[in-house]
C-alpha atoms as a PDB file:
ATOM      1  CA  MET A   1       0.000   0.000   0.000  1.00  0.00           C
ATOM      2  CA  PRO A   2       1.140   3.599  -0.558  1.00  0.00           C
ATOM      3  CA  ASP A   3       3.401   5.160   2.069  1.00  0.00           C
ATOM      4  CA  SER A   4       4.677   8.287   0.292  1.00  0.00           C
ATOM      5  CA  ALA A   5       3.784  11.880   1.175  1.00  0.00           C
ATOM      6  CA  LEU A   6       2.665  12.270  -2.429  1.00  0.00           C
ATOM      7  CA  PRO A   7      -0.987  11.537  -3.242  1.00  0.00           C
ATOM      8  CA  PRO A   8      -1.311   7.973  -4.554  1.00  0.00           C
ATOM      9  CA  LEU A   9      -2.525   7.328  -8.071  1.00  0.00           C
ATOM     10  CA  VAL A  10      -2.898   3.759  -9.273  1.00  0.00           C
ATOM     11  CA  PHE A  11      -2.161   2.728 -12.823  1.00  0.00           C
ATOM     12  CA  ALA A  12      -4.104  -0.531 -13.156  1.00  0.00           C
ATOM     13  CA  THR A  13      -1.443  -2.536 -14.959  1.00  0.00           C
ATOM     14  CA  ARG A  14       1.466  -4.904 -14.337  1.00  0.00           C
ATOM     15  CA  ASN A  15       3.227  -3.892 -17.521  1.00  0.00           C
ATOM     16  CA  ALA A  16       6.463  -2.300 -16.315  1.00  0.00           C
ATOM     17  CA  ASN A  17       7.126  -0.720 -19.731  1.00  0.00           C
ATOM     18  CA  LYS A  18       3.780   1.061 -19.659  1.00  0.00           C
ATOM     19  CA  VAL A  19       4.426   2.307 -16.115  1.00  0.00           C
ATOM     20  CA  LEU A  20       7.797   3.731 -17.178  1.00  0.00           C
ATOM     21  CA  GLU A  21       6.234   5.486 -20.170  1.00  0.00           C
ATOM     22  CA  VAL A  22       3.504   7.054 -18.036  1.00  0.00           C
ATOM     23  CA  HIS A  23       5.841   8.020 -15.195  1.00  0.00           C
ATOM     24  CA  ALA A  24       8.079   9.866 -17.664  1.00  0.00           C
ATOM     25  CA  LEU A  25       5.110  12.065 -18.592  1.00  0.00           C
ATOM     26  CA  LEU A  26       3.418  12.319 -15.205  1.00  0.00           C
ATOM     27  CA  GLY A  27       6.475  13.508 -13.312  1.00  0.00           C
ATOM     28  CA  ASN A  28       6.575  13.548  -9.515  1.00  0.00           C
ATOM     29  CA  ALA A  29       3.299  15.180  -8.550  1.00  0.00           C
ATOM     30  CA  TYR A  30       1.792  11.800  -7.618  1.00  0.00           C
ATOM     31  CA  GLN A  31       2.998   8.490  -6.248  1.00  0.00           C
ATOM     32  CA  LEU A  32       2.341   6.327  -9.293  1.00  0.00           C
ATOM     33  CA  LEU A  33       1.527   2.775  -8.217  1.00  0.00           C
ATOM     34  CA  SER A  34       1.092  -0.338 -10.318  1.00  0.00           C
ATOM     35  CA  LEU A  35      -1.158  -3.251  -9.379  1.00  0.00           C
ATOM     36  CA  ASP A  36       1.815  -4.903  -7.709  1.00  0.00           C
ATOM     37  CA  GLY A  37       2.405  -1.694  -5.764  1.00  0.00           C
ATOM     38  CA  ILE A  38      -0.995  -1.961  -4.048  1.00  0.00           C
ATOM     39  CA  GLY A  39      -0.772  -5.714  -3.567  1.00  0.00           C
ATOM     40  CA  CYS A  40      -3.356  -6.596  -6.211  1.00  0.00           C
ATOM     41  CA  ALA A  41      -2.696 -10.098  -7.507  1.00  0.00           C
ATOM     42  CA  ASP A  42      -6.087 -10.417  -9.209  1.00  0.00           C
ATOM     43  CA  GLU A  43      -6.589 -10.754 -12.938  1.00  0.00           C
ATOM     44  CA  LEU A  44      -8.542  -7.658 -13.925  1.00  0.00           C
ATOM     45  CA  PRO A  45     -11.691  -8.189 -15.999  1.00  0.00           C
ATOM     46  CA  GLU A  46     -11.654  -7.295 -19.697  1.00  0.00           C
ATOM     47  CA  THR A  47     -15.003  -8.487 -20.981  1.00  0.00           C
ATOM     48  CA  GLY A  48     -15.874  -5.666 -23.387  1.00  0.00           C
ATOM     49  CA  ASP A  49     -15.609  -5.406 -27.143  1.00  0.00           C
ATOM     50  CA  THR A  50     -14.406  -1.797 -27.031  1.00  0.00           C
ATOM     51  CA  LEU A  51     -11.315  -0.148 -25.588  1.00  0.00           C
ATOM     52  CA  GLU A  52     -13.535   2.231 -23.610  1.00  0.00           C
ATOM     53  CA  HIS A  53     -15.405  -0.610 -21.906  1.00  0.00           C
ATOM     54  CA  ASN A  54     -12.268  -2.498 -20.917  1.00  0.00           C
ATOM     55  CA  ALA A  55     -10.461   0.573 -19.587  1.00  0.00           C
ATOM     56  CA  ARG A  56     -13.359   1.529 -17.329  1.00  0.00           C
ATOM     57  CA  GLU A  57     -13.967  -2.056 -16.216  1.00  0.00           C
ATOM     58  CA  LYS A  58     -10.368  -2.451 -15.046  1.00  0.00           C
ATOM     59  CA  ALA A  59     -10.294   0.890 -13.244  1.00  0.00           C
ATOM     60  CA  ALA A  60     -13.642   0.227 -11.569  1.00  0.00           C
ATOM     61  CA  TYR A  61     -12.446  -3.144 -10.284  1.00  0.00           C
ATOM     62  CA  VAL A  62      -9.508  -1.515  -8.490  1.00  0.00           C
ATOM     63  CA  HIS A  63     -11.458   1.487  -7.208  1.00  0.00           C
ATOM     64  CA  GLU A  64     -14.234  -0.658  -5.741  1.00  0.00           C
ATOM     65  CA  ARG A  65     -11.786  -2.846  -3.821  1.00  0.00           C
ATOM     66  CA  TRP A  66      -9.004  -0.425  -2.826  1.00  0.00           C
ATOM     67  CA  GLY A  67     -10.820   2.925  -2.782  1.00  0.00           C
ATOM     68  CA  LEU A  68      -7.927   4.773  -4.430  1.00  0.00           C
ATOM     69  CA  ASP A  69      -7.844   7.175  -7.352  1.00  0.00           C
ATOM     70  CA  VAL A  70      -7.057   4.950 -10.306  1.00  0.00           C
ATOM     71  CA  PHE A  71      -6.773   4.930 -14.046  1.00  0.00           C
ATOM     72  CA  ALA A  72      -6.628   2.090 -16.514  1.00  0.00           C
ATOM     73  CA  GLU A  73      -5.868   2.108 -20.183  1.00  0.00           C
ATOM     74  CA  ASP A  74      -6.679  -0.170 -23.041  1.00  0.00           C
ATOM     75  CA  SER A  75      -4.804   0.107 -26.287  1.00  0.00           C
ATOM     76  CA  GLY A  76      -5.248  -1.552 -29.630  1.00  0.00           C
ATOM     77  CA  LEU A  77      -3.651  -1.776 -33.026  1.00  0.00           C
ATOM     78  CA  LEU A  78      -6.193  -1.387 -35.825  1.00  0.00           C
ATOM     79  CA  VAL A  79      -5.035  -2.556 -39.250  1.00  0.00           C
ATOM     80  CA  ARG A  80      -7.162  -1.322 -42.134  1.00  0.00           C
ATOM     81  CA  ALA A  81      -6.641  -4.298 -44.456  1.00  0.00           C
ATOM     82  CA  LEU A  82      -7.699  -6.655 -41.647  1.00  0.00           C
ATOM     83  CA  ASN A  83     -10.961  -4.830 -40.886  1.00  0.00           C
ATOM     84  CA  ASP A  84      -9.336  -3.150 -37.872  1.00  0.00           C
ATOM     85  CA  GLU A  85      -7.928  -6.342 -36.364  1.00  0.00           C
ATOM     86  CA  PRO A  86      -6.484  -7.065 -33.876  1.00  0.00           C
ATOM     87  CA  GLY A  87      -8.141  -4.080 -32.158  1.00  0.00           C
ATOM     88  CA  VAL A  88      -9.382  -4.766 -28.645  1.00  0.00           C
ATOM     89  CA  TYR A  89      -7.772  -8.219 -28.821  1.00  0.00           C
ATOM     90  CA  SER A  90      -4.287  -6.888 -29.602  1.00  0.00           C
ATOM     91  CA  ALA A  91      -2.639  -8.298 -26.465  1.00  0.00           C
ATOM     92  CA  ARG A  92      -4.116 -11.752 -27.040  1.00  0.00           C
ATOM     93  CA  TYR A  93      -4.358 -11.819 -30.824  1.00  0.00           C
ATOM     94  CA  ALA A  94      -2.689 -15.238 -31.145  1.00  0.00           C
ATOM     95  CA  GLY A  95      -4.462 -16.659 -28.079  1.00  0.00           C
ATOM     96  CA  PRO A  96      -4.889 -16.050 -24.336  1.00  0.00           C
ATOM     97  CA  GLN A  97      -1.317 -17.070 -23.514  1.00  0.00           C
ATOM     98  CA  ALA A  98       0.266 -15.565 -26.628  1.00  0.00           C
ATOM     99  CA  SER A  99       3.612 -13.792 -26.415  1.00  0.00           C
ATOM    100  CA  ASP A 100       4.455 -10.548 -28.204  1.00  0.00           C
ATOM    101  CA  ALA A 101       6.383 -12.641 -30.732  1.00  0.00           C
ATOM    102  CA  ASP A 102       3.336 -14.852 -31.345  1.00  0.00           C
ATOM    103  CA  ASN A 103       1.109 -11.830 -31.929  1.00  0.00           C
ATOM    104  CA  LYS A 104       3.565 -10.181 -34.312  1.00  0.00           C
ATOM    105  CA  ALA A 105       4.015 -13.404 -36.271  1.00  0.00           C
ATOM    106  CA  LEU A 106       0.265 -13.844 -36.708  1.00  0.00           C
ATOM    107  CA  LEU A 107      -0.178 -10.236 -37.798  1.00  0.00           C
ATOM    108  CA  LEU A 108       2.561 -10.546 -40.427  1.00  0.00           C
ATOM    109  CA  ALA A 109       1.090 -13.816 -41.659  1.00  0.00           C
ATOM    110  CA  ARG A 110      -2.357 -12.290 -42.111  1.00  0.00           C
ATOM    111  CA  LEU A 111      -0.877  -9.302 -43.925  1.00  0.00           C
ATOM    112  CA  ALA A 112       1.218 -11.437 -46.254  1.00  0.00           C
ATOM    113  CA  GLY A 113       0.720 -10.328 -49.866  1.00  0.00           C
ATOM    114  CA  LYS A 114      -1.382  -7.285 -48.940  1.00  0.00           C
ATOM    115  CA  GLN A 115      -0.326  -3.935 -50.366  1.00  0.00           C
ATOM    116  CA  ASP A 116      -2.336  -1.855 -47.917  1.00  0.00           C
ATOM    117  CA  ARG A 117      -0.437  -1.874 -44.620  1.00  0.00           C
ATOM    118  CA  GLU A 118      -1.954   1.243 -43.072  1.00  0.00           C
ATOM    119  CA  ALA A 119      -2.677   0.973 -39.353  1.00  0.00           C
ATOM    120  CA  ARG A 120      -3.344   3.074 -36.302  1.00  0.00           C
ATOM    121  CA  PHE A 121      -2.753   2.673 -32.594  1.00  0.00           C
ATOM    122  CA  ARG A 122      -5.480   3.855 -30.201  1.00  0.00           C
ATOM    123  CA  THR A 123      -5.326   4.314 -26.448  1.00  0.00           C
ATOM    124  CA  VAL A 124      -8.251   5.004 -24.146  1.00  0.00           C
ATOM    125  CA  ILE A 125      -7.665   5.942 -20.498  1.00  0.00           C
ATOM    126  CA  SER A 126     -10.465   5.740 -17.955  1.00  0.00           C
ATOM    127  CA  LEU A 127      -9.802   7.648 -14.721  1.00  0.00           C
ATOM    128  CA  CYS A 128     -11.719   7.525 -11.453  1.00  0.00           C
ATOM    129  CA  PHE A 129     -10.627  10.640  -9.556  1.00  0.00           C
ATOM    130  CA  SER A 130     -12.356  11.769  -6.357  1.00  0.00           C
ATOM    131  CA  GLY A 131     -15.215   9.444  -7.236  1.00  0.00           C
ATOM    132  CA  GLU A 132     -15.788  10.984 -10.681  1.00  0.00           C
ATOM    133  CA  TRP A 133     -15.111   9.305 -14.038  1.00  0.00           C
ATOM    134  CA  HIS A 134     -13.162  10.861 -16.905  1.00  0.00           C
ATOM    135  CA  LEU A 135     -12.042   9.579 -20.309  1.00  0.00           C
ATOM    136  CA  PHE A 136      -8.929  10.482 -22.327  1.00  0.00           C
ATOM    137  CA  GLN A 137      -7.886   9.259 -25.757  1.00  0.00           C
ATOM    138  CA  GLY A 138      -4.964   9.254 -28.180  1.00  0.00           C
ATOM    139  CA  GLU A 139      -4.316   7.958 -31.685  1.00  0.00           C
ATOM    140  CA  CYS A 140      -1.234   7.503 -33.864  1.00  0.00           C
ATOM    141  CA  ARG A 141      -1.361   6.543 -37.526  1.00  0.00           C
ATOM    142  CA  GLY A 142       1.311   4.689 -39.440  1.00  0.00           C
ATOM    143  CA  VAL A 143       2.061   1.524 -41.412  1.00  0.00           C
ATOM    144  CA  ILE A 144       3.049  -2.041 -40.585  1.00  0.00           C
ATOM    145  CA  GLY A 145       6.514  -3.060 -41.743  1.00  0.00           C
ATOM    146  CA  LEU A 146       7.436  -6.308 -43.482  1.00  0.00           C
ATOM    147  CA  ALA A 147       9.540  -7.536 -40.563  1.00  0.00           C
ATOM    148  CA  PRO A 148      10.332  -6.477 -36.988  1.00  0.00           C
ATOM    149  CA  ALA A 149      12.943  -3.737 -36.552  1.00  0.00           C
ATOM    150  CA  GLY A 150      14.385  -2.437 -33.289  1.00  0.00           C
ATOM    151  CA  GLU A 151      14.912  -3.752 -29.774  1.00  0.00           C
ATOM    152  CA  GLY A 152      13.036  -1.141 -27.724  1.00  0.00           C
ATOM    153  CA  GLY A 153       9.398  -0.780 -26.802  1.00  0.00           C
ATOM    154  CA  PHE A 154       7.044  -3.725 -26.521  1.00  0.00           C
ATOM    155  CA  GLY A 155       4.108  -5.366 -28.254  1.00  0.00           C
ATOM    156  CA  TYR A 156       3.810  -4.418 -31.908  1.00  0.00           C
ATOM    157  CA  ASP A 157       6.325  -1.548 -31.634  1.00  0.00           C
ATOM    158  CA  PRO A 158       8.965  -3.284 -33.825  1.00  0.00           C
ATOM    159  CA  LEU A 159       6.445  -3.448 -36.692  1.00  0.00           C
ATOM    160  CA  PHE A 160       4.924   0.035 -36.501  1.00  0.00           C
ATOM    161  CA  TYR A 161       6.301   2.972 -38.498  1.00  0.00           C
ATOM    162  CA  PRO A 162       4.460   6.091 -37.256  1.00  0.00           C
ATOM    163  CA  MET A 163       3.361   8.969 -39.447  1.00  0.00           C
ATOM    164  CA  LEU A 164       5.110  12.223 -38.553  1.00  0.00           C
ATOM    165  CA  HIS A 165       4.339  15.803 -39.597  1.00  0.00           C
ATOM    166  CA  SER A 166       7.144  15.473 -42.146  1.00  0.00           C
ATOM    167  CA  GLY A 167       5.888  12.147 -43.489  1.00  0.00           C
ATOM    168  CA  LEU A 168       6.311   8.491 -42.640  1.00  0.00           C
ATOM    169  CA  SER A 169       9.038   7.782 -40.094  1.00  0.00           C
ATOM    170  CA  GLN A 170      11.950   5.661 -41.257  1.00  0.00           C
ATOM    171  CA  ARG A 171      12.127   4.130 -37.778  1.00  0.00           C
ATOM    172  CA  THR A 172       9.703   1.935 -35.891  1.00  0.00           C
ATOM    173  CA  PHE A 173       8.539   2.736 -32.375  1.00  0.00           C
ATOM    174  CA  ALA A 174      11.024   0.084 -31.222  1.00  0.00           C
ATOM    175  CA  GLN A 175      13.903   2.021 -32.802  1.00  0.00           C
ATOM    176  CA  MET A 176      13.032   5.241 -30.963  1.00  0.00           C
ATOM    177  CA  SER A 177      13.987   6.360 -27.479  1.00  0.00           C
ATOM    178  CA  ARG A 178      11.238   6.393 -24.867  1.00  0.00           C
ATOM    179  CA  GLU A 179      11.163  10.201 -25.091  1.00  0.00           C
ATOM    180  CA  GLU A 180      10.823  10.175 -28.877  1.00  0.00           C
ATOM    181  CA  LYS A 181       8.041   7.624 -28.772  1.00  0.00           C
ATOM    182  CA  ASN A 182       6.176   9.414 -25.969  1.00  0.00           C
ATOM    183  CA  ALA A 183       6.199  12.642 -27.984  1.00  0.00           C
ATOM    184  CA  ILE A 184       4.082  11.146 -30.779  1.00  0.00           C
ATOM    185  CA  SER A 185       2.513   7.931 -29.545  1.00  0.00           C
ATOM    186  CA  HIS A 186      -1.132   7.169 -28.881  1.00  0.00           C
ATOM    187  CA  ARG A 187      -0.395   6.493 -25.217  1.00  0.00           C
ATOM    188  CA  GLY A 188       1.665   9.663 -24.914  1.00  0.00           C
ATOM    189  CA  GLN A 189      -1.240  11.730 -26.262  1.00  0.00           C
ATOM    190  CA  ALA A 190      -3.749  10.132 -23.905  1.00  0.00           C
ATOM    191  CA  VAL A 191      -1.450  10.461 -20.878  1.00  0.00           C
ATOM    192  CA  ARG A 192      -0.761  14.127 -21.623  1.00  0.00           C
ATOM    193  CA  ALA A 193      -4.515  14.717 -21.674  1.00  0.00           C
ATOM    194  CA  LEU A 194      -4.746  12.900 -18.340  1.00  0.00           C
ATOM    195  CA  VAL A 195      -1.908  14.997 -16.897  1.00  0.00           C
ATOM    196  CA  ARG A 196      -3.500  18.256 -18.068  1.00  0.00           C
ATOM    197  CA  PHE A 197      -6.643  17.229 -16.201  1.00  0.00           C
ATOM    198  CA  LEU A 198      -4.653  16.395 -13.064  1.00  0.00           C
ATOM    199  CA  GLU A 199      -2.887  19.758 -13.344  1.00  0.00           C
ATOM    200  CA  SER A 200      -6.223  21.543 -13.431  1.00  0.00           C
ATOM    201  CA  ARG A 201      -7.336  19.731 -10.282  1.00  0.00           C
ATOM    202  CA  ALA A 202      -4.066  20.207  -8.405  1.00  0.00           C
ATOM    203  CA  GLY A 203      -3.693  23.848  -9.400  1.00  0.00           C
ATOM    204  CA  LYS A 204      -0.078  23.255 -10.283  1.00  0.00           C
ATOM    205  CA  SER A 205       1.929  21.735 -13.086  1.00  0.00           C
ATOM    206  CA  ALA A 206       2.311  17.972 -13.001  1.00  0.00           C
ATOM    207  CA  LEU A 207       4.056  17.817 -16.352  1.00  0.00           C
ATOM    208  CA  PRO A 208       7.853  17.714 -16.140  1.00  0.00           C
ATOM    209  CA  THR A 209       9.536  20.936 -17.272  1.00  0.00           C
END
């Protein structure tokens, strides 16, 4: 349980990479806690067919049992040529126990021979703050590469070439630094919207300067 002088804020995830990405944007205005940080060993429910449903369901589960301010996110990769698959099933595209490598391999197999490789990442964050619910979103467009490139990031990052203001990036998310990815990513956009809200409630800047 939290023991810092900072107000606790739970990020309902066990994904250490996601926690690092969010902490880099949130700064030190809150004590950011993962599920492990509050002693939650439960598998959070994800029964919806939309990102919005799953994000709120996970946050509500934690809030109802621990009573803390909490946010949860659900992210998905939507590939146009695959009718927006894998979408809400991105983390378990190749099955409930699938690894990132399994998911990437299945995606490449289903895209084999297709010329249209346009895709977009979406993130939805559901926040329960002082008993009130708020929603934040982010989206990043790009294309799926022919093979993985880069050692950073996680999930589908080695396959995703984001669209920049100057055109298509020549590097995947996995070839970028955390700071570079955060500046343009779907999760970075949604977290910055979350942080702006927290700033407005705290009356001070939570974003790192």
